[in-house]
Amino acid sequence: MTFSITTWNINSVRLRMPIVEQFIVRHKPDILCLQEIKCQEPEFPLQPFKDLGYPHVIIHGQKGYHGVAIASKVPLLEDHRQNYCNVGDARHISAIFERGSRRIRLHNFYVPAGGDAPDRSINPKFGHKLDFVEEMKALKADPMPGISSILVGDLNIAPLEHDVWSHKQMLKIVSHTPVETSGLIEVMQKGGWLDLMRQHVPETEKLYTWWSYRAKDWLAADKGRRLDHIWSSPDLGPFLERIDVLKEARGWNQPSDHVPVTAVFKF
């Protein structure tokens, strides 16, 4: 039996509910994690998810900004929200689900984008991002016996050379500066996390999940970045069957600039 989890920065769930429905009907993930839902919890379009077979939904919303949600076919336990950097932003939510005899904690993150200038002395947004990543270093993939972990989300950092269209040209661009990439790699290393996407696709191959709205022809230019991630505790690595990056979704009607990324496990 396979089990699938999708992460997708939807860039306003209410605006893009038609393509969310399109994706669900076609691909039917067991769990869908959304970032940047841009609504408060009472405004979240709960009924369409229930109608599509996702009765279990937890939401950490915020008016007009940020926000994360998990919609699931299976029950979700222990709804938890971490207040990173103590500023009250809705950037994290986690829950536990069960698959057979396994208990798995699922984290859903939306890391700050960091603004335009990679200098915290003139750009507080960049400083906030670095502080957020620093706090993430305390998050362990195996915090307690008997519970595995999966971490997904828009982490807004492309950590590896081939996670961007041009490593050389991106070194001074927010999302691929050395201080960001080394910070995110340290989050993985200190927490004992496994990068499932790069387990599936070698580090020598280009891998993108985001294409800018600014490109006149995003497909022809193909100047992408891997900003969306799926990690797990090492014990789940052997059960990964495949990773699907739905590049075609970037060309759908009123698309997000991010595309859905799905991990398929075979337990």
Protein backbone atom coordinates (compact mmCIF):
# COMPACT_ATOMS: atom_id res chain seq x y z
CA MET A 1 0.00 0.00 0.00
CA THR A 2 1.31 3.43 -0.92
CA PHE A 3 0.85 6.63 1.07
CA SER A 4 1.43 10.11 -0.36
CA ILE A 5 2.07 13.55 1.12
CA THR A 6 2.07 16.73 -0.96
CA THR A 7 3.48 20.14 -0.08
CA TRP A 8 2.40 23.22 -2.01
CA ASN A 9 2.79 26.96 -1.43
CA ILE A 10 -0.58 27.93 -2.85
CA ASN A 11 -0.21 31.73 -2.55
CA SER A 12 -3.82 32.30 -1.37
CA VAL A 13 -5.97 29.23 -0.95
CA ARG A 14 -9.25 31.08 -1.59
CA LEU A 15 -8.02 32.58 -4.84
CA ARG A 16 -6.56 29.33 -6.09
CA MET A 17 -9.12 26.84 -4.82
CA PRO A 18 -10.04 25.84 -8.42
CA ILE A 19 -6.52 24.56 -9.09
CA VAL A 20 -6.36 22.93 -5.65
CA GLU A 21 -9.50 21.01 -6.57
CA GLN A 22 -8.01 20.19 -9.97
CA PHE A 23 -4.88 18.81 -8.33
CA ILE A 24 -6.77 16.76 -5.75
CA VAL A 25 -9.10 15.19 -8.30
CA ARG A 26 -6.17 14.17 -10.52
CA HIS A 27 -3.57 13.15 -7.96
CA LYS A 28 -5.42 12.30 -4.72
CA PRO A 29 -2.66 12.66 -2.12
CA ASP A 30 -3.45 11.21 1.28
CA ILE A 31 -2.27 14.40 2.97
CA LEU A 32 -1.98 17.88 1.44
CA CYS A 33 0.14 20.52 3.20
CA LEU A 34 -0.41 24.10 2.08
CA GLN A 35 1.63 27.22 2.79
CA GLU A 36 0.87 30.90 2.36
CA ILE A 37 -2.87 30.32 2.62
CA LYS A 38 -3.32 34.06 3.35
CA CYS A 39 -6.50 33.80 5.41
CA GLN A 40 -7.68 33.47 8.96
CA GLU A 41 -9.00 30.12 10.14
CA PRO A 42 -12.74 30.94 9.83
CA GLU A 43 -12.15 32.08 6.23
CA PHE A 44 -10.48 28.86 5.11
CA PRO A 45 -12.56 26.99 2.47
CA LEU A 46 -13.12 23.98 4.68
CA GLN A 47 -16.19 22.51 2.98
CA PRO A 48 -14.58 21.97 -0.45
CA PHE A 49 -11.86 19.89 1.21
CA LYS A 50 -14.42 17.80 3.07
CA ASP A 51 -16.39 17.32 -0.14
CA LEU A 52 -13.22 16.06 -1.83
CA GLY A 53 -12.57 13.47 0.87
CA TYR A 54 -10.38 15.38 3.32
CA PRO A 55 -12.41 15.58 6.54
CA HIS A 56 -9.40 16.17 8.78
CA VAL A 57 -8.06 19.72 8.45
CA ILE A 58 -5.94 21.78 10.81
CA ILE A 59 -5.22 25.43 10.08
CA HIS A 60 -2.84 28.05 11.41
CA GLY A 61 -4.06 31.17 9.67
CA GLN A 62 -3.27 34.87 9.60
CA LYS A 63 -5.13 37.75 8.00
CA GLY A 64 -3.79 38.45 4.52
CA TYR A 65 -0.34 36.94 5.16
CA HIS A 66 1.49 33.67 5.66
CA GLY A 67 -0.57 30.80 7.07
CA VAL A 68 -0.22 27.02 6.85
CA ALA A 69 -2.73 24.17 6.76
CA ILE A 70 -2.84 20.39 6.62
CA ALA A 71 -5.76 18.59 4.94
CA SER A 72 -5.86 14.84 5.39
CA LYS A 73 -7.83 11.72 4.54
CA VAL A 74 -6.58 10.15 7.79
CA PRO A 75 -7.10 11.48 11.33
CA LEU A 76 -4.68 14.12 12.60
CA LEU A 77 -3.71 14.17 16.26
CA GLU A 78 -1.90 16.66 18.51
CA ASP A 79 -2.38 19.88 16.54
CA HIS A 80 0.64 22.02 17.47
CA ARG A 81 1.81 25.50 16.35
CA GLN A 82 5.30 26.81 17.13
CA ASN A 83 5.72 30.57 17.43
CA TYR A 84 9.12 30.95 15.77
CA CYS A 85 10.98 34.19 16.57
CA ASN A 86 8.13 35.08 18.94
CA VAL A 87 6.48 37.47 16.48
CA GLY A 88 3.11 35.74 16.17
CA ASP A 89 3.32 34.81 12.48
CA ALA A 90 1.45 31.73 11.27
CA ARG A 91 4.41 29.86 9.82
CA HIS A 92 4.29 26.40 11.39
CA ILE A 93 1.83 23.68 12.21
CA SER A 94 2.35 20.03 13.06
CA ALA A 95 0.27 16.96 13.78
CA ILE A 96 0.66 13.22 14.30
CA PHE A 97 -0.92 10.66 12.00
CA GLU A 98 -0.81 6.89 12.04
CA ARG A 99 0.01 4.56 9.19
CA GLY A 100 -0.38 0.95 10.22
CA SER A 101 1.70 0.55 13.37
CA ARG A 102 3.68 3.73 12.65
CA ARG A 103 3.14 7.06 14.35
CA ILE A 104 4.53 9.97 12.32
CA ARG A 105 4.76 13.62 13.26
CA LEU A 106 4.28 15.88 10.26
CA HIS A 107 5.68 19.43 10.32
CA ASN A 108 4.47 22.03 7.81
CA PHE A 109 6.63 25.18 7.49
CA TYR A 110 6.57 28.49 5.70
CA VAL A 111 9.99 30.07 6.29
CA PRO A 112 10.25 33.86 5.77
CA ALA A 113 11.24 34.86 2.24
CA GLY A 114 13.78 37.40 3.50
CA GLY A 115 13.19 40.42 1.31
CA ASP A 116 15.54 41.55 -1.45
CA ALA A 117 18.83 42.62 0.15
CA PRO A 118 20.93 39.84 1.74
CA ASP A 119 22.13 42.11 4.55
CA ARG A 120 20.42 42.14 7.92
CA SER A 121 21.87 45.55 8.78
CA ILE A 122 19.71 47.21 6.11
CA ASN A 123 17.00 44.58 5.64
CA PRO A 124 15.19 43.41 8.80
CA LYS A 125 13.32 40.77 6.78
CA PHE A 126 16.59 39.03 6.01
CA GLY A 127 17.57 39.13 9.67
CA HIS A 128 14.20 37.61 10.57
CA LYS A 129 14.78 34.79 8.10
CA LEU A 130 18.22 34.00 9.52
CA ASP A 131 16.86 34.03 13.06
CA PHE A 132 14.01 31.71 12.04
CA VAL A 133 16.44 29.24 10.48
CA GLU A 134 18.63 29.43 13.59
CA GLU A 135 15.67 28.40 15.77
CA MET A 136 14.87 25.51 13.40
CA LYS A 137 18.25 23.96 14.26
CA ALA A 138 16.74 22.72 17.52
CA LEU A 139 14.11 20.63 15.70
CA LYS A 140 14.99 16.94 15.82
CA ALA A 141 13.87 14.30 13.35
CA ASP A 142 13.66 11.70 16.14
CA PRO A 143 12.56 13.64 19.25
CA MET A 144 11.06 10.64 21.03
CA PRO A 145 11.02 6.84 20.69
CA GLY A 146 8.32 5.31 18.56
CA ILE A 147 7.53 8.43 16.52
CA SER A 148 8.99 9.09 13.07
CA SER A 149 8.98 12.55 11.49
CA ILE A 150 8.32 14.22 8.15
CA LEU A 151 9.02 17.90 7.53
CA VAL A 152 7.60 19.67 4.49
CA GLY A 153 7.08 23.19 3.31
CA ASP A 154 8.27 26.27 1.53
CA LEU A 155 11.60 26.77 3.26
CA ASN A 156 12.50 29.64 0.88
CA ILE A 157 16.09 28.44 0.54
CA ALA A 158 17.64 26.48 -2.33
CA PRO A 159 20.57 24.94 -0.45
CA LEU A 160 22.50 23.02 -3.12
CA GLU A 161 24.36 24.08 -6.26
CA HIS A 162 21.86 22.47 -8.61
CA ASP A 163 18.82 23.69 -6.68
CA VAL A 164 19.08 26.91 -8.71
CA TRP A 165 19.41 27.65 -12.41
CA SER A 166 22.83 29.29 -11.96
CA HIS A 167 24.83 28.77 -8.78
CA LYS A 168 27.33 31.49 -9.69
CA GLN A 169 24.74 34.14 -10.54
CA MET A 170 22.57 33.34 -7.51
CA LEU A 171 25.22 33.54 -4.78
CA LYS A 172 24.24 37.11 -3.89
CA ILE A 173 20.49 36.58 -4.35
CA VAL A 174 18.28 35.93 -1.34
CA SER A 175 17.39 32.22 -1.15
CA HIS A 176 20.84 31.01 -2.27
CA THR A 177 23.35 33.14 -0.36
CA PRO A 178 26.00 31.16 1.54
CA VAL A 179 24.69 32.22 4.96
CA GLU A 180 21.24 30.88 4.08
CA THR A 181 22.32 27.67 2.40
CA SER A 182 24.80 26.76 5.13
CA GLY A 183 22.14 27.55 7.74
CA LEU A 184 19.57 25.23 6.18
CA ILE A 185 22.10 22.45 5.72
CA GLU A 186 22.95 22.82 9.40
CA VAL A 187 19.24 22.49 10.26
CA MET A 188 19.28 19.15 8.43
CA GLN A 189 22.53 17.97 9.96
CA LYS A 190 21.82 19.00 13.56
CA GLY A 191 18.29 17.64 13.42
CA GLY A 192 19.26 14.37 11.78
CA TRP A 193 16.95 14.99 8.81
CA LEU A 194 17.04 13.17 5.48
CA ASP A 195 16.49 15.22 2.29
CA LEU A 196 14.03 12.91 0.53
CA MET A 197 13.96 14.90 -2.70
CA ARG A 198 17.70 14.54 -3.14
CA GLN A 199 17.51 10.88 -2.17
CA HIS A 200 15.30 10.51 -5.23
CA VAL A 201 17.09 12.95 -7.59
CA PRO A 202 20.93 13.06 -7.46
CA GLU A 203 22.52 16.31 -6.30
CA THR A 204 24.20 16.64 -9.71
CA GLU A 205 20.81 17.09 -11.44
CA LYS A 206 18.84 20.33 -11.60
CA LEU A 207 15.69 20.27 -9.46
CA TYR A 208 13.25 23.19 -9.17
CA THR A 209 9.88 23.78 -7.50
CA TRP A 210 9.46 27.55 -8.06
CA TRP A 211 9.51 29.82 -11.10
CA SER A 212 9.16 33.60 -10.75
CA TYR A 213 6.08 35.49 -11.89
CA ARG A 214 8.49 38.09 -13.29
CA ALA A 215 9.64 35.88 -16.16
CA LYS A 216 7.85 36.65 -19.42
CA ASP A 217 8.06 33.00 -20.42
CA TRP A 218 8.87 30.97 -17.30
CA LEU A 219 8.95 27.67 -19.19
CA ALA A 220 11.37 28.83 -21.89
CA ALA A 221 13.65 30.62 -19.41
CA ASP A 222 13.44 27.79 -16.85
CA LYS A 223 15.22 29.89 -14.22
CA GLY A 224 13.87 27.91 -11.30
CA ARG A 225 14.81 27.28 -7.69
CA ARG A 226 14.13 24.41 -5.28
CA LEU A 227 12.46 26.31 -2.45
CA ASP A 228 10.02 23.57 -1.42
CA HIS A 229 11.28 20.59 0.52
CA ILE A 230 10.34 17.21 1.95
CA TRP A 231 12.54 15.78 4.70
CA SER A 232 12.10 12.82 7.03
CA SER A 233 13.68 10.97 9.89
CA PRO A 234 16.19 8.44 8.50
CA ASP A 235 14.01 5.43 9.31
CA LEU A 236 11.47 6.47 6.64
CA GLY A 237 14.03 6.82 3.85
CA PRO A 238 13.90 3.16 2.76
CA PHE A 239 10.13 3.41 2.31
CA LEU A 240 10.25 6.29 -0.18
CA GLU A 241 9.00 5.04 -3.54
CA ARG A 242 9.26 8.27 -5.53
CA ILE A 243 9.08 12.07 -5.55
CA ASP A 244 6.78 13.84 -8.00
CA VAL A 245 7.36 17.52 -8.86
CA LEU A 246 4.32 18.64 -10.86
CA LYS A 247 6.00 21.23 -13.08
CA GLU A 248 2.95 21.49 -15.34
CA ALA A 249 0.99 23.13 -12.50
CA ARG A 250 3.05 26.31 -12.97
CA GLY A 251 1.23 26.73 -16.28
CA TRP A 252 -2.31 26.21 -14.96
CA ASN A 253 -4.89 29.00 -14.88
CA GLN A 254 -4.01 31.60 -12.22
CA PRO A 255 -1.13 29.49 -10.90
CA SER A 256 0.97 29.79 -7.81
CA ASP A 257 4.63 30.45 -8.53
CA HIS A 258 5.32 27.20 -6.64
CA VAL A 259 4.25 23.73 -7.81
CA PRO A 260 3.06 20.72 -5.81
CA VAL A 261 5.74 18.31 -4.62
CA THR A 262 4.63 14.83 -3.56
CA ALA A 263 6.44 12.10 -1.68
CA VAL A 264 5.05 8.61 -2.21
CA PHE A 265 5.88 6.00 0.40
CA LYS A 266 5.36 2.26 0.32
CA PHE A 267 5.11 0.96 3.87
